[in-house]
Amino acid sequence: MKKLGLIYLLLFAFACQKPVERPETVEASIALNPNTMESMFYDFEMKDLNGEMVKFSSFKGKKILVVNVASKCGYTPQYEGLQELYKNFSDKVVILGFPANNFGGQEPGSNEEIKEFCTANYGVTFPVFEKISVKGFDKHPIYRWLSDPKQNGWNSEEPSWNFCKYLLDEKGELLKYYPSSVSPLDEDILKLIES
């Protein structure tokens, strides 16, 4: 039992790392080919929890906060902050929730159960997609893009736990990675959304 507690403590400490932002040197590579990353991110399309196909190109012109979510995690109450952020700034940012069962088996439900949980408990109105894998051999292509510098231009951080966040700008370029411990209503996130 003590070993299990130590393992969770180590995992929690790892998940509480600092945010990572795009280095200034990336600007030069983006300037060389400004359409590369935009077209890659906006080319994605996925089914939401209603089974409807959503084209990511429909999010052009807004900042995008990508979050891997779970229903049975200590960070699950962040759904409330995510919904508040979406409600207050939906003209500037869209939040994309990606349920995943990669960490501690904390998202065991079906897509229908996840949808019911999000609606009943947090009144979620932002887009939440079908359950995927965000880490490992079966990592979904959107998370491969988010964590591969060859695809996104600079970032290699993949989710270390549930509720990690990736912020993209209005052109689909990755701006910053935030670990689970960073609130959706963190000052830095709000400042970047409003800028």
N, C-alpha and C. Protein backbone atom coordinates (compact mmCIF):
# COMPACT_ATOMS: atom_id res chain seq x y z
N MET A 1 0.82 -1.20 0.00
CA MET A 1 0.00 0.00 0.00
C MET A 1 0.86 1.25 0.00
N LYS A 2 1.98 1.22 0.78
CA LYS A 2 2.88 2.37 0.82
C LYS A 2 3.51 2.61 -0.55
N LYS A 3 3.84 1.51 -1.26
CA LYS A 3 4.44 1.65 -2.59
C LYS A 3 3.48 2.34 -3.55
N LEU A 4 2.19 1.96 -3.49
CA LEU A 4 1.19 2.56 -4.36
C LEU A 4 1.07 4.06 -4.07
N GLY A 5 1.06 4.43 -2.78
CA GLY A 5 1.00 5.84 -2.41
C GLY A 5 2.20 6.61 -2.92
N LEU A 6 3.38 6.01 -2.85
CA LEU A 6 4.60 6.65 -3.33
C LEU A 6 4.55 6.82 -4.85
N ILE A 7 4.04 5.83 -5.54
CA ILE A 7 3.93 5.92 -7.00
C ILE A 7 3.01 7.07 -7.39
N TYR A 8 1.84 7.19 -6.73
CA TYR A 8 0.92 8.29 -7.05
C TYR A 8 1.53 9.64 -6.70
N LEU A 9 2.29 9.69 -5.62
CA LEU A 9 2.95 10.95 -5.23
C LEU A 9 3.97 11.36 -6.30
N LEU A 10 4.74 10.40 -6.79
CA LEU A 10 5.72 10.69 -7.85
C LEU A 10 5.04 11.12 -9.14
N LEU A 11 3.95 10.44 -9.49
CA LEU A 11 3.21 10.82 -10.69
C LEU A 11 2.63 12.22 -10.56
N PHE A 12 2.11 12.55 -9.36
CA PHE A 12 1.54 13.88 -9.12
C PHE A 12 2.63 14.94 -9.24
N ALA A 13 3.80 14.68 -8.65
CA ALA A 13 4.90 15.64 -8.72
C ALA A 13 5.32 15.86 -10.17
N PHE A 14 5.37 14.78 -10.96
CA PHE A 14 5.74 14.90 -12.37
C PHE A 14 4.70 15.71 -13.13
N ALA A 15 3.43 15.54 -12.78
CA ALA A 15 2.35 16.24 -13.48
C ALA A 15 2.32 17.73 -13.13
N CYS A 16 2.99 18.13 -12.07
CA CYS A 16 2.96 19.52 -11.63
C CYS A 16 4.15 20.32 -12.15
N GLN A 17 4.68 19.94 -13.28
CA GLN A 17 5.80 20.68 -13.85
C GLN A 17 5.34 22.04 -14.35
N LYS A 18 6.30 22.86 -14.72
CA LYS A 18 6.00 24.23 -15.15
C LYS A 18 5.47 24.27 -16.58
N PRO A 19 4.76 25.35 -16.93
CA PRO A 19 4.33 25.52 -18.31
C PRO A 19 5.54 25.65 -19.25
N VAL A 20 5.35 25.28 -20.48
CA VAL A 20 6.39 25.39 -21.49
C VAL A 20 5.84 26.24 -22.61
N GLU A 21 6.59 27.28 -23.00
CA GLU A 21 6.11 28.13 -24.07
C GLU A 21 7.01 28.09 -25.28
N ARG A 22 6.46 28.49 -26.40
CA ARG A 22 7.20 28.50 -27.66
C ARG A 22 8.39 29.43 -27.54
N PRO A 23 9.60 28.95 -27.86
CA PRO A 23 10.77 29.82 -27.81
C PRO A 23 10.74 30.85 -28.93
N GLU A 24 11.41 31.96 -28.69
CA GLU A 24 11.44 33.05 -29.68
C GLU A 24 12.05 32.61 -31.00
N THR A 25 12.98 31.66 -30.97
CA THR A 25 13.65 31.23 -32.20
C THR A 25 12.72 30.54 -33.18
N VAL A 26 11.56 30.11 -32.70
CA VAL A 26 10.60 29.44 -33.58
C VAL A 26 10.04 30.41 -34.60
N GLU A 27 9.98 31.69 -34.26
CA GLU A 27 9.42 32.69 -35.17
C GLU A 27 10.06 32.62 -36.55
N ALA A 28 11.38 32.39 -36.60
CA ALA A 28 12.07 32.36 -37.89
C ALA A 28 11.58 31.19 -38.74
N SER A 29 11.40 30.01 -38.13
CA SER A 29 10.94 28.87 -38.92
C SER A 29 9.50 29.05 -39.37
N ILE A 30 8.68 29.69 -38.54
CA ILE A 30 7.30 29.96 -38.94
C ILE A 30 7.28 30.95 -40.10
N ALA A 31 8.16 31.96 -40.01
CA ALA A 31 8.21 32.97 -41.06
C ALA A 31 8.62 32.36 -42.40
N LEU A 32 9.47 31.32 -42.38
CA LEU A 32 9.89 30.69 -43.62
C LEU A 32 8.73 30.02 -44.35
N ASN A 33 7.84 29.43 -43.61
CA ASN A 33 6.70 28.76 -44.21
C ASN A 33 5.48 28.94 -43.31
N PRO A 34 4.82 30.09 -43.38
CA PRO A 34 3.74 30.40 -42.45
C PRO A 34 2.52 29.50 -42.57
N ASN A 35 2.35 28.79 -43.66
CA ASN A 35 1.15 27.98 -43.82
C ASN A 35 1.30 26.53 -43.35
N THR A 36 2.52 26.09 -43.08
CA THR A 36 2.75 24.69 -42.75
C THR A 36 1.97 24.25 -41.53
N MET A 37 2.19 24.92 -40.38
CA MET A 37 1.53 24.48 -39.15
C MET A 37 0.03 24.76 -39.18
N GLU A 38 -0.35 25.88 -39.77
CA GLU A 38 -1.77 26.20 -39.86
C GLU A 38 -2.52 25.10 -40.58
N SER A 39 -2.01 24.72 -41.73
CA SER A 39 -2.72 23.71 -42.51
C SER A 39 -2.72 22.37 -41.79
N MET A 40 -1.66 22.06 -41.07
CA MET A 40 -1.61 20.78 -40.37
C MET A 40 -2.67 20.73 -39.27
N PHE A 41 -2.74 21.73 -38.43
CA PHE A 41 -3.72 21.69 -37.35
C PHE A 41 -5.15 21.78 -37.89
N TYR A 42 -5.38 22.69 -38.80
CA TYR A 42 -6.73 22.89 -39.31
C TYR A 42 -7.20 21.78 -40.25
N ASP A 43 -6.32 20.88 -40.62
CA ASP A 43 -6.72 19.74 -41.45
C ASP A 43 -7.38 18.62 -40.63
N PHE A 44 -7.24 18.67 -39.31
CA PHE A 44 -7.84 17.62 -38.48
C PHE A 44 -9.36 17.74 -38.48
N GLU A 45 -10.01 16.60 -38.37
CA GLU A 45 -11.45 16.55 -38.13
C GLU A 45 -11.72 15.30 -37.31
N MET A 46 -12.67 15.43 -36.39
CA MET A 46 -12.97 14.32 -35.48
C MET A 46 -14.45 14.33 -35.13
N LYS A 47 -14.92 13.19 -34.65
CA LYS A 47 -16.30 13.11 -34.18
C LYS A 47 -16.38 13.61 -32.74
N ASP A 48 -17.42 14.39 -32.46
CA ASP A 48 -17.66 14.84 -31.09
C ASP A 48 -18.49 13.78 -30.35
N LEU A 49 -18.85 14.07 -29.11
CA LEU A 49 -19.60 13.09 -28.31
C LEU A 49 -21.00 12.83 -28.85
N ASN A 50 -21.48 13.68 -29.76
CA ASN A 50 -22.78 13.45 -30.40
C ASN A 50 -22.64 12.61 -31.67
N GLY A 51 -21.40 12.25 -32.01
CA GLY A 51 -21.14 11.47 -33.22
C GLY A 51 -21.08 12.31 -34.48
N GLU A 52 -21.06 13.63 -34.33
CA GLU A 52 -21.01 14.53 -35.50
C GLU A 52 -19.56 14.88 -35.81
N MET A 53 -19.22 14.88 -37.10
CA MET A 53 -17.87 15.21 -37.53
C MET A 53 -17.65 16.72 -37.39
N VAL A 54 -16.55 17.10 -36.77
CA VAL A 54 -16.20 18.51 -36.57
C VAL A 54 -14.90 18.79 -37.29
N LYS A 55 -14.92 19.76 -38.18
CA LYS A 55 -13.71 20.17 -38.90
C LYS A 55 -13.00 21.24 -38.07
N PHE A 56 -11.72 21.03 -37.80
CA PHE A 56 -10.97 21.98 -36.99
C PHE A 56 -10.78 23.30 -37.72
N SER A 57 -10.94 23.30 -39.01
CA SER A 57 -10.85 24.56 -39.77
C SER A 57 -11.95 25.53 -39.35
N SER A 58 -13.01 25.01 -38.72
CA SER A 58 -14.09 25.89 -38.26
C SER A 58 -13.67 26.74 -37.06
N PHE A 59 -12.49 26.47 -36.49
CA PHE A 59 -12.00 27.23 -35.34
C PHE A 59 -11.02 28.34 -35.72
N LYS A 60 -10.80 28.53 -37.03
CA LYS A 60 -9.88 29.58 -37.48
C LYS A 60 -10.33 30.93 -36.94
N GLY A 61 -9.34 31.74 -36.56
CA GLY A 61 -9.64 33.08 -36.08
C GLY A 61 -9.84 33.20 -34.59
N LYS A 62 -9.82 32.05 -33.87
CA LYS A 62 -9.94 32.06 -32.41
C LYS A 62 -8.74 31.32 -31.82
N LYS A 63 -8.41 31.67 -30.60
CA LYS A 63 -7.43 30.88 -29.88
C LYS A 63 -8.09 29.56 -29.53
N ILE A 64 -7.29 28.52 -29.33
CA ILE A 64 -7.80 27.18 -29.06
C ILE A 64 -7.08 26.61 -27.85
N LEU A 65 -7.84 26.13 -26.87
CA LEU A 65 -7.27 25.47 -25.71
C LEU A 65 -7.65 24.00 -25.79
N VAL A 66 -6.65 23.15 -26.00
CA VAL A 66 -6.84 21.71 -26.12
C VAL A 66 -6.55 21.07 -24.76
N VAL A 67 -7.48 20.25 -24.26
CA VAL A 67 -7.34 19.66 -22.92
C VAL A 67 -7.71 18.18 -22.96
N ASN A 68 -6.85 17.34 -22.41
CA ASN A 68 -7.22 15.93 -22.25
C ASN A 68 -7.95 15.78 -20.91
N VAL A 69 -9.19 15.35 -20.97
CA VAL A 69 -10.08 15.35 -19.80
C VAL A 69 -10.38 13.93 -19.31
N ALA A 70 -10.84 13.85 -18.05
CA ALA A 70 -11.22 12.57 -17.45
C ALA A 70 -12.26 12.84 -16.36
N SER A 71 -13.16 11.89 -16.17
CA SER A 71 -14.28 12.06 -15.24
C SER A 71 -13.99 11.69 -13.80
N LYS A 72 -12.94 10.93 -13.55
CA LYS A 72 -12.69 10.42 -12.20
C LYS A 72 -11.30 10.80 -11.70
N CYS A 73 -10.90 12.02 -11.98
CA CYS A 73 -9.56 12.49 -11.65
C CYS A 73 -9.65 13.58 -10.58
N GLY A 74 -8.58 13.75 -9.84
CA GLY A 74 -8.54 14.84 -8.86
C GLY A 74 -8.66 16.21 -9.52
N TYR A 75 -8.32 16.28 -10.79
CA TYR A 75 -8.41 17.53 -11.54
C TYR A 75 -9.75 17.71 -12.25
N THR A 76 -10.64 16.73 -12.15
CA THR A 76 -11.93 16.79 -12.84
C THR A 76 -12.71 18.09 -12.57
N PRO A 77 -12.64 18.66 -11.34
CA PRO A 77 -13.33 19.93 -11.12
C PRO A 77 -12.87 21.07 -12.03
N GLN A 78 -11.76 20.88 -12.76
CA GLN A 78 -11.33 21.89 -13.73
C GLN A 78 -12.35 22.05 -14.86
N TYR A 79 -13.23 21.07 -15.02
CA TYR A 79 -14.32 21.23 -16.00
C TYR A 79 -15.07 22.54 -15.73
N GLU A 80 -15.25 22.86 -14.46
CA GLU A 80 -15.97 24.08 -14.09
C GLU A 80 -15.24 25.32 -14.61
N GLY A 81 -13.92 25.36 -14.41
CA GLY A 81 -13.13 26.48 -14.90
C GLY A 81 -13.09 26.54 -16.41
N LEU A 82 -13.02 25.39 -17.04
CA LEU A 82 -13.03 25.35 -18.52
C LEU A 82 -14.35 25.91 -19.06
N GLN A 83 -15.47 25.50 -18.43
CA GLN A 83 -16.77 25.99 -18.87
C GLN A 83 -16.90 27.49 -18.63
N GLU A 84 -16.39 27.96 -17.49
CA GLU A 84 -16.44 29.40 -17.20
C GLU A 84 -15.61 30.19 -18.21
N LEU A 85 -14.42 29.67 -18.54
CA LEU A 85 -13.57 30.31 -19.54
C LEU A 85 -14.28 30.38 -20.89
N TYR A 86 -14.90 29.27 -21.27
CA TYR A 86 -15.61 29.22 -22.55
C TYR A 86 -16.81 30.18 -22.56
N LYS A 87 -17.53 30.21 -21.47
CA LYS A 87 -18.71 31.09 -21.38
C LYS A 87 -18.31 32.57 -21.46
N ASN A 88 -17.25 32.92 -20.76
CA ASN A 88 -16.85 34.33 -20.69
C ASN A 88 -16.05 34.82 -21.89
N PHE A 89 -15.40 33.90 -22.62
CA PHE A 89 -14.52 34.33 -23.71
C PHE A 89 -14.78 33.57 -25.01
N SER A 90 -15.99 33.07 -25.20
CA SER A 90 -16.28 32.26 -26.40
C SER A 90 -16.11 33.02 -27.70
N ASP A 91 -16.05 34.36 -27.63
CA ASP A 91 -15.79 35.15 -28.83
C ASP A 91 -14.30 35.14 -29.19
N LYS A 92 -13.43 34.73 -28.22
CA LYS A 92 -11.98 34.76 -28.45
C LYS A 92 -11.32 33.39 -28.41
N VAL A 93 -11.95 32.42 -27.73
CA VAL A 93 -11.30 31.12 -27.55
C VAL A 93 -12.33 29.99 -27.65
N VAL A 94 -11.89 28.88 -28.20
CA VAL A 94 -12.70 27.66 -28.19
C VAL A 94 -11.91 26.63 -27.38
N ILE A 95 -12.62 25.87 -26.57
CA ILE A 95 -11.99 24.81 -25.78
C ILE A 95 -12.36 23.49 -26.41
N LEU A 96 -11.37 22.64 -26.60
CA LEU A 96 -11.59 21.32 -27.19
C LEU A 96 -11.21 20.28 -26.14
N GLY A 97 -12.19 19.52 -25.66
CA GLY A 97 -11.95 18.49 -24.66
C GLY A 97 -11.80 17.12 -25.30
N PHE A 98 -10.75 16.40 -24.88
CA PHE A 98 -10.48 15.08 -25.43
C PHE A 98 -10.42 14.06 -24.29
N PRO A 99 -11.53 13.35 -24.03
CA PRO A 99 -11.51 12.32 -22.99
C PRO A 99 -10.49 11.24 -23.32
N ALA A 100 -9.74 10.83 -22.29
CA ALA A 100 -8.72 9.80 -22.47
C ALA A 100 -8.60 8.99 -21.19
N ASN A 101 -8.33 7.71 -21.34
CA ASN A 101 -8.22 6.79 -20.20
C ASN A 101 -6.77 6.39 -19.95
N ASN A 102 -5.83 7.25 -20.33
CA ASN A 102 -4.41 6.91 -20.26
C ASN A 102 -3.80 6.97 -18.86
N PHE A 103 -4.42 7.70 -17.96
CA PHE A 103 -3.79 7.94 -16.66
C PHE A 103 -4.65 7.41 -15.52
N GLY A 104 -4.20 6.33 -14.92
CA GLY A 104 -4.89 5.77 -13.76
C GLY A 104 -6.27 5.22 -14.04
N GLY A 105 -6.59 4.96 -15.31
CA GLY A 105 -7.92 4.43 -15.65
C GLY A 105 -9.04 5.36 -15.21
N GLN A 106 -8.79 6.68 -15.29
CA GLN A 106 -9.73 7.65 -14.73
C GLN A 106 -10.80 8.16 -15.72
N GLU A 107 -10.83 7.56 -16.90
CA GLU A 107 -11.92 7.85 -17.85
C GLU A 107 -12.39 6.52 -18.44
N PRO A 108 -13.04 5.68 -17.60
CA PRO A 108 -13.45 4.35 -18.06
C PRO A 108 -14.74 4.33 -18.87
N GLY A 109 -15.52 5.40 -18.83
CA GLY A 109 -16.85 5.41 -19.42
C GLY A 109 -16.89 5.39 -20.94
N SER A 110 -18.07 5.09 -21.45
CA SER A 110 -18.31 5.15 -22.90
C SER A 110 -18.51 6.62 -23.28
N ASN A 111 -18.54 6.90 -24.56
CA ASN A 111 -18.77 8.27 -25.03
C ASN A 111 -20.10 8.81 -24.51
N GLU A 112 -21.12 7.97 -24.49
CA GLU A 112 -22.43 8.39 -23.99
C GLU A 112 -22.37 8.71 -22.50
N GLU A 113 -21.67 7.89 -21.73
CA GLU A 113 -21.52 8.14 -20.29
C GLU A 113 -20.73 9.42 -20.02
N ILE A 114 -19.69 9.65 -20.82
CA ILE A 114 -18.88 10.87 -20.68
C ILE A 114 -19.74 12.10 -20.97
N LYS A 115 -20.52 12.02 -22.02
CA LYS A 115 -21.40 13.14 -22.39
C LYS A 115 -22.37 13.45 -21.25
N GLU A 116 -22.99 12.42 -20.71
CA GLU A 116 -23.94 12.58 -19.60
C GLU A 116 -23.25 13.19 -18.39
N PHE A 117 -22.05 12.72 -18.07
CA PHE A 117 -21.30 13.23 -16.92
C PHE A 117 -20.99 14.71 -17.09
N CYS A 118 -20.47 15.09 -18.25
CA CYS A 118 -20.08 16.49 -18.51
C CYS A 118 -21.29 17.42 -18.43
N THR A 119 -22.39 17.00 -18.99
CA THR A 119 -23.60 17.83 -19.01
C THR A 119 -24.24 17.93 -17.64
N ALA A 120 -24.42 16.79 -16.99
CA ALA A 120 -25.12 16.77 -15.70
C ALA A 120 -24.33 17.44 -14.58
N ASN A 121 -23.02 17.24 -14.56
CA ASN A 121 -22.20 17.73 -13.45
C ASN A 121 -21.60 19.11 -13.65
N TYR A 122 -21.33 19.48 -14.92
CA TYR A 122 -20.63 20.75 -15.15
C TYR A 122 -21.28 21.63 -16.21
N GLY A 123 -22.37 21.20 -16.80
CA GLY A 123 -23.06 22.00 -17.80
C GLY A 123 -22.18 22.35 -18.99
N VAL A 124 -21.31 21.42 -19.38
CA VAL A 124 -20.33 21.68 -20.44
C VAL A 124 -21.03 21.95 -21.78
N THR A 125 -20.65 23.07 -22.40
CA THR A 125 -21.17 23.42 -23.73
C THR A 125 -20.06 23.52 -24.77
N PHE A 126 -18.80 23.47 -24.34
CA PHE A 126 -17.70 23.52 -25.31
C PHE A 126 -17.56 22.14 -25.97
N PRO A 127 -16.92 22.07 -27.14
CA PRO A 127 -16.81 20.79 -27.85
C PRO A 127 -16.00 19.75 -27.07
N VAL A 128 -16.59 18.58 -26.88
CA VAL A 128 -15.90 17.44 -26.29
C VAL A 128 -16.00 16.32 -27.32
N PHE A 129 -14.87 15.67 -27.56
CA PHE A 129 -14.79 14.69 -28.64
C PHE A 129 -14.83 13.26 -28.12
N GLU A 130 -14.95 12.33 -29.05
CA GLU A 130 -14.95 10.92 -28.68
C GLU A 130 -13.65 10.57 -27.96
N LYS A 131 -13.74 9.56 -27.09
CA LYS A 131 -12.58 9.16 -26.30
C LYS A 131 -11.46 8.67 -27.21
N ILE A 132 -10.24 9.14 -26.88
CA ILE A 132 -9.05 8.77 -27.65
C ILE A 132 -7.93 8.41 -26.68
N SER A 133 -6.78 8.05 -27.24
CA SER A 133 -5.56 7.87 -26.46
C SER A 133 -4.68 9.09 -26.73
N VAL A 134 -4.10 9.65 -25.66
CA VAL A 134 -3.27 10.86 -25.81
C VAL A 134 -1.79 10.56 -25.58
N LYS A 135 -1.46 9.28 -25.37
CA LYS A 135 -0.09 8.89 -25.05
C LYS A 135 0.11 7.44 -25.44
N GLY A 136 1.33 7.08 -25.77
CA GLY A 136 1.64 5.68 -26.03
C GLY A 136 1.56 5.29 -27.50
N PHE A 137 1.62 4.00 -27.76
CA PHE A 137 1.68 3.50 -29.14
C PHE A 137 0.44 3.85 -29.96
N ASP A 138 -0.71 3.99 -29.28
CA ASP A 138 -1.96 4.29 -29.99
C ASP A 138 -2.36 5.76 -29.86
N LYS A 139 -1.40 6.63 -29.59
CA LYS A 139 -1.67 8.06 -29.44
C LYS A 139 -2.36 8.60 -30.70
N HIS A 140 -3.44 9.34 -30.49
CA HIS A 140 -4.20 9.91 -31.59
C HIS A 140 -3.35 10.92 -32.36
N PRO A 141 -3.53 11.04 -33.68
CA PRO A 141 -2.74 11.99 -34.49
C PRO A 141 -2.76 13.43 -33.98
N ILE A 142 -3.86 13.90 -33.40
CA ILE A 142 -3.89 15.28 -32.91
C ILE A 142 -2.88 15.45 -31.76
N TYR A 143 -2.74 14.43 -30.92
CA TYR A 143 -1.77 14.50 -29.83
C TYR A 143 -0.34 14.21 -30.31
N ARG A 144 -0.22 13.49 -31.41
CA ARG A 144 1.11 13.36 -32.03
C ARG A 144 1.55 14.74 -32.52
N TRP A 145 0.63 15.47 -33.15
CA TRP A 145 0.94 16.82 -33.64
C TRP A 145 1.32 17.73 -32.48
N LEU A 146 0.55 17.70 -31.41
CA LEU A 146 0.78 18.59 -30.26
C LEU A 146 2.11 18.32 -29.55
N SER A 147 2.62 17.09 -29.61
CA SER A 147 3.82 16.74 -28.85
C SER A 147 5.03 16.39 -29.71
N ASP A 148 4.97 16.68 -30.99
CA ASP A 148 6.10 16.40 -31.88
C ASP A 148 6.60 17.69 -32.50
N PRO A 149 7.84 18.14 -32.13
CA PRO A 149 8.36 19.40 -32.66
C PRO A 149 8.46 19.44 -34.17
N LYS A 150 8.60 18.27 -34.80
CA LYS A 150 8.67 18.24 -36.27
C LYS A 150 7.33 18.62 -36.88
N GLN A 151 6.24 18.42 -36.13
CA GLN A 151 4.92 18.74 -36.64
C GLN A 151 4.41 20.09 -36.16
N ASN A 152 4.67 20.44 -34.88
CA ASN A 152 4.11 21.69 -34.34
C ASN A 152 5.13 22.84 -34.31
N GLY A 153 6.39 22.54 -34.62
CA GLY A 153 7.40 23.58 -34.71
C GLY A 153 8.34 23.71 -33.54
N TRP A 154 7.93 23.23 -32.33
CA TRP A 154 8.84 23.42 -31.18
C TRP A 154 8.58 22.52 -29.97
N ASN A 155 7.38 22.08 -29.73
CA ASN A 155 7.05 21.42 -28.47
C ASN A 155 7.18 19.90 -28.53
N SER A 156 7.79 19.33 -27.47
CA SER A 156 7.88 17.87 -27.36
C SER A 156 7.15 17.34 -26.13
N GLU A 157 6.50 18.23 -25.36
CA GLU A 157 5.79 17.81 -24.15
C GLU A 157 4.47 17.11 -24.51
N GLU A 158 4.34 15.88 -24.01
CA GLU A 158 3.05 15.19 -24.15
C GLU A 158 2.36 15.22 -22.80
N PRO A 159 1.08 14.93 -22.74
CA PRO A 159 0.39 14.98 -21.45
C PRO A 159 1.08 14.08 -20.42
N SER A 160 1.28 14.63 -19.22
CA SER A 160 1.88 13.87 -18.13
C SER A 160 0.80 13.33 -17.19
N TRP A 161 -0.43 13.84 -17.34
CA TRP A 161 -1.58 13.40 -16.55
C TRP A 161 -2.83 13.98 -17.22
N ASN A 162 -3.98 13.75 -16.63
CA ASN A 162 -5.23 14.33 -17.14
C ASN A 162 -5.20 15.85 -16.96
N PHE A 163 -5.90 16.54 -17.83
CA PHE A 163 -6.09 18.00 -17.78
C PHE A 163 -4.82 18.80 -18.08
N CYS A 164 -3.95 18.27 -18.92
CA CYS A 164 -2.86 19.07 -19.47
C CYS A 164 -3.46 19.93 -20.57
N LYS A 165 -2.85 21.10 -20.81
CA LYS A 165 -3.45 22.07 -21.72
C LYS A 165 -2.45 22.55 -22.76
N TYR A 166 -2.93 22.71 -23.98
CA TYR A 166 -2.14 23.27 -25.07
C TYR A 166 -2.91 24.47 -25.61
N LEU A 167 -2.25 25.62 -25.67
CA LEU A 167 -2.90 26.83 -26.19
C LEU A 167 -2.34 27.15 -27.56
N LEU A 168 -3.24 27.32 -28.52
CA LEU A 168 -2.87 27.68 -29.88
C LEU A 168 -3.41 29.06 -30.19
N ASP A 169 -2.74 29.75 -31.11
CA ASP A 169 -3.20 31.10 -31.49
C ASP A 169 -4.25 31.02 -32.59
N GLU A 170 -4.65 32.19 -33.07
CA GLU A 170 -5.72 32.29 -34.07
C GLU A 170 -5.35 31.72 -35.43
N LYS A 171 -4.07 31.42 -35.63
CA LYS A 171 -3.61 30.84 -36.90
C LYS A 171 -3.33 29.34 -36.78
N GLY A 172 -3.63 28.78 -35.61
CA GLY A 172 -3.40 27.35 -35.42
C GLY A 172 -1.97 27.02 -35.04
N GLU A 173 -1.21 28.01 -34.58
CA GLU A 173 0.18 27.77 -34.16
C GLU A 173 0.20 27.55 -32.65
N LEU A 174 0.94 26.55 -32.21
CA LEU A 174 1.03 26.21 -30.79
C LEU A 174 1.83 27.28 -30.05
N LEU A 175 1.19 27.85 -29.01
CA LEU A 175 1.83 28.91 -28.22
C LEU A 175 2.46 28.38 -26.94
N LYS A 176 1.74 27.50 -26.22
CA LYS A 176 2.18 27.13 -24.88
C LYS A 176 1.58 25.81 -24.44
N TYR A 177 2.34 25.11 -23.59
CA TYR A 177 1.89 23.87 -22.95
C TYR A 177 1.79 24.13 -21.46
N TYR A 178 0.69 23.69 -20.84
CA TYR A 178 0.48 23.83 -19.39
C TYR A 178 0.23 22.46 -18.78
N PRO A 179 0.89 22.14 -17.66
CA PRO A 179 0.62 20.86 -16.99
C PRO A 179 -0.74 20.89 -16.29
N SER A 180 -1.14 19.75 -15.80
CA SER A 180 -2.45 19.58 -15.15
C SER A 180 -2.71 20.56 -14.02
N SER A 181 -1.66 20.88 -13.27
CA SER A 181 -1.83 21.71 -12.07
C SER A 181 -2.21 23.16 -12.38
N VAL A 182 -2.05 23.58 -13.63
CA VAL A 182 -2.38 24.96 -14.01
C VAL A 182 -3.88 25.06 -14.26
N SER A 183 -4.52 25.97 -13.55
CA SER A 183 -5.97 26.18 -13.69
C SER A 183 -6.31 26.74 -15.07
N PRO A 184 -7.47 26.37 -15.61
CA PRO A 184 -7.91 26.98 -16.88
C PRO A 184 -8.08 28.50 -16.76
N LEU A 185 -8.25 28.98 -15.53
CA LEU A 185 -8.43 30.41 -15.30
C LEU A 185 -7.15 31.08 -14.81
N ASP A 186 -6.03 30.42 -15.04
CA ASP A 186 -4.72 30.98 -14.67
C ASP A 186 -4.50 32.33 -15.36
N GLU A 187 -3.83 33.23 -14.65
CA GLU A 187 -3.58 34.59 -15.18
C GLU A 187 -2.90 34.57 -16.53
N ASP A 188 -1.92 33.67 -16.69
CA ASP A 188 -1.18 33.62 -17.95
C ASP A 188 -2.08 33.20 -19.12
N ILE A 189 -2.95 32.22 -18.87
CA ILE A 189 -3.88 31.78 -19.92
C ILE A 189 -4.83 32.92 -20.28
N LEU A 190 -5.39 33.58 -19.28
CA LEU A 190 -6.31 34.69 -19.53
C LEU A 190 -5.63 35.82 -20.30
N LYS A 191 -4.38 36.14 -19.92
CA LYS A 191 -3.65 37.21 -20.58
C LYS A 191 -3.42 36.87 -22.06
N LEU A 192 -3.03 35.63 -22.35
CA LEU A 192 -2.79 35.23 -23.73
C LEU A 192 -4.08 35.20 -24.55
N ILE A 193 -5.18 34.80 -23.93
CA ILE A 193 -6.46 34.77 -24.64
C ILE A 193 -6.92 36.18 -24.99
N GLU A 194 -6.71 37.11 -24.06
CA GLU A 194 -7.16 38.49 -24.28
C GLU A 194 -6.22 39.30 -25.16
N SER A 195 -5.00 38.81 -25.38
CA SER A 195 -4.03 39.59 -26.16
C SER A 195 -4.32 39.54 -27.65
